[in-house]
Amino acid sequence: MRFEILRLDDIDGTPVDRTVVDAASVNGIVQQAAAIGQRIWIRPADASAS
């Protein structure tokens, strides 16, 4: 399964960056975001997302 990860703006929460990763990579990205206090939004990726 693949997930879309959106990095969110600290001020207004709008998405500023988007990436699609496999399930095995999600934990590392969450850990990295938590370490620096970055806001992210994770959702299942559409089948057409890359």
Protein backbone atom coordinates (compact mmCIF):
# COMPACT_ATOMS: atom_id res chain seq x y z
CA MET A 1 0.00 0.00 0.00
CA ARG A 2 1.17 3.53 -0.76
CA PHE A 3 0.55 6.68 1.25
CA GLU A 4 0.53 10.35 0.35
CA ILE A 5 2.31 12.54 2.89
CA LEU A 6 1.67 16.26 2.87
CA ARG A 7 3.94 18.58 4.82
CA LEU A 8 1.86 21.38 6.29
CA ASP A 9 2.66 25.06 6.75
CA ASP A 10 3.29 25.92 10.41
CA ILE A 11 1.16 29.06 10.26
CA ASP A 12 -2.03 28.15 8.42
CA GLY A 13 -1.78 24.39 7.89
CA THR A 14 -1.90 24.50 4.10
CA PRO A 15 0.05 21.78 2.27
CA VAL A 16 3.46 22.97 1.10
CA ASP A 17 5.00 19.70 -0.11
CA ARG A 18 3.68 16.31 -1.19
CA THR A 19 5.29 12.92 -1.52
CA VAL A 20 4.01 9.37 -2.08
CA VAL A 21 5.78 6.54 -0.26
CA ASP A 22 5.30 2.85 0.43
CA ALA A 23 4.02 1.68 3.80
CA ALA A 24 7.51 0.69 4.98
CA SER A 25 8.71 4.31 4.71
CA VAL A 26 5.88 5.96 6.65
CA ASN A 27 7.28 5.26 10.12
CA GLY A 28 10.63 6.88 9.32
CA ILE A 29 8.96 9.98 7.93
CA VAL A 30 6.71 10.26 11.00
CA GLN A 31 9.71 9.91 13.32
CA GLN A 32 11.65 12.56 11.40
CA ALA A 33 8.70 14.98 11.42
CA ALA A 34 8.18 14.45 15.15
CA ALA A 35 11.85 15.09 15.88
CA ILE A 36 11.73 18.54 14.28
CA GLY A 37 8.13 19.43 15.17
CA GLN A 38 6.90 19.36 11.59
CA ARG A 39 3.20 19.02 10.86
CA ILE A 40 2.25 16.32 8.35
CA TRP A 41 -0.92 14.78 7.00
CA ILE A 42 -0.90 11.13 5.93
CA ARG A 43 -3.57 9.53 3.79
CA PRO A 44 -3.82 6.54 1.45
CA ALA A 45 -2.59 7.44 -2.01
CA ASP A 46 -4.81 7.15 -5.05
CA ALA A 47 -3.86 4.33 -7.38
CA SER A 48 -2.75 6.94 -9.92
CA ALA A 49 -0.49 8.85 -7.48
CA SER A 50 3.25 8.61 -7.91
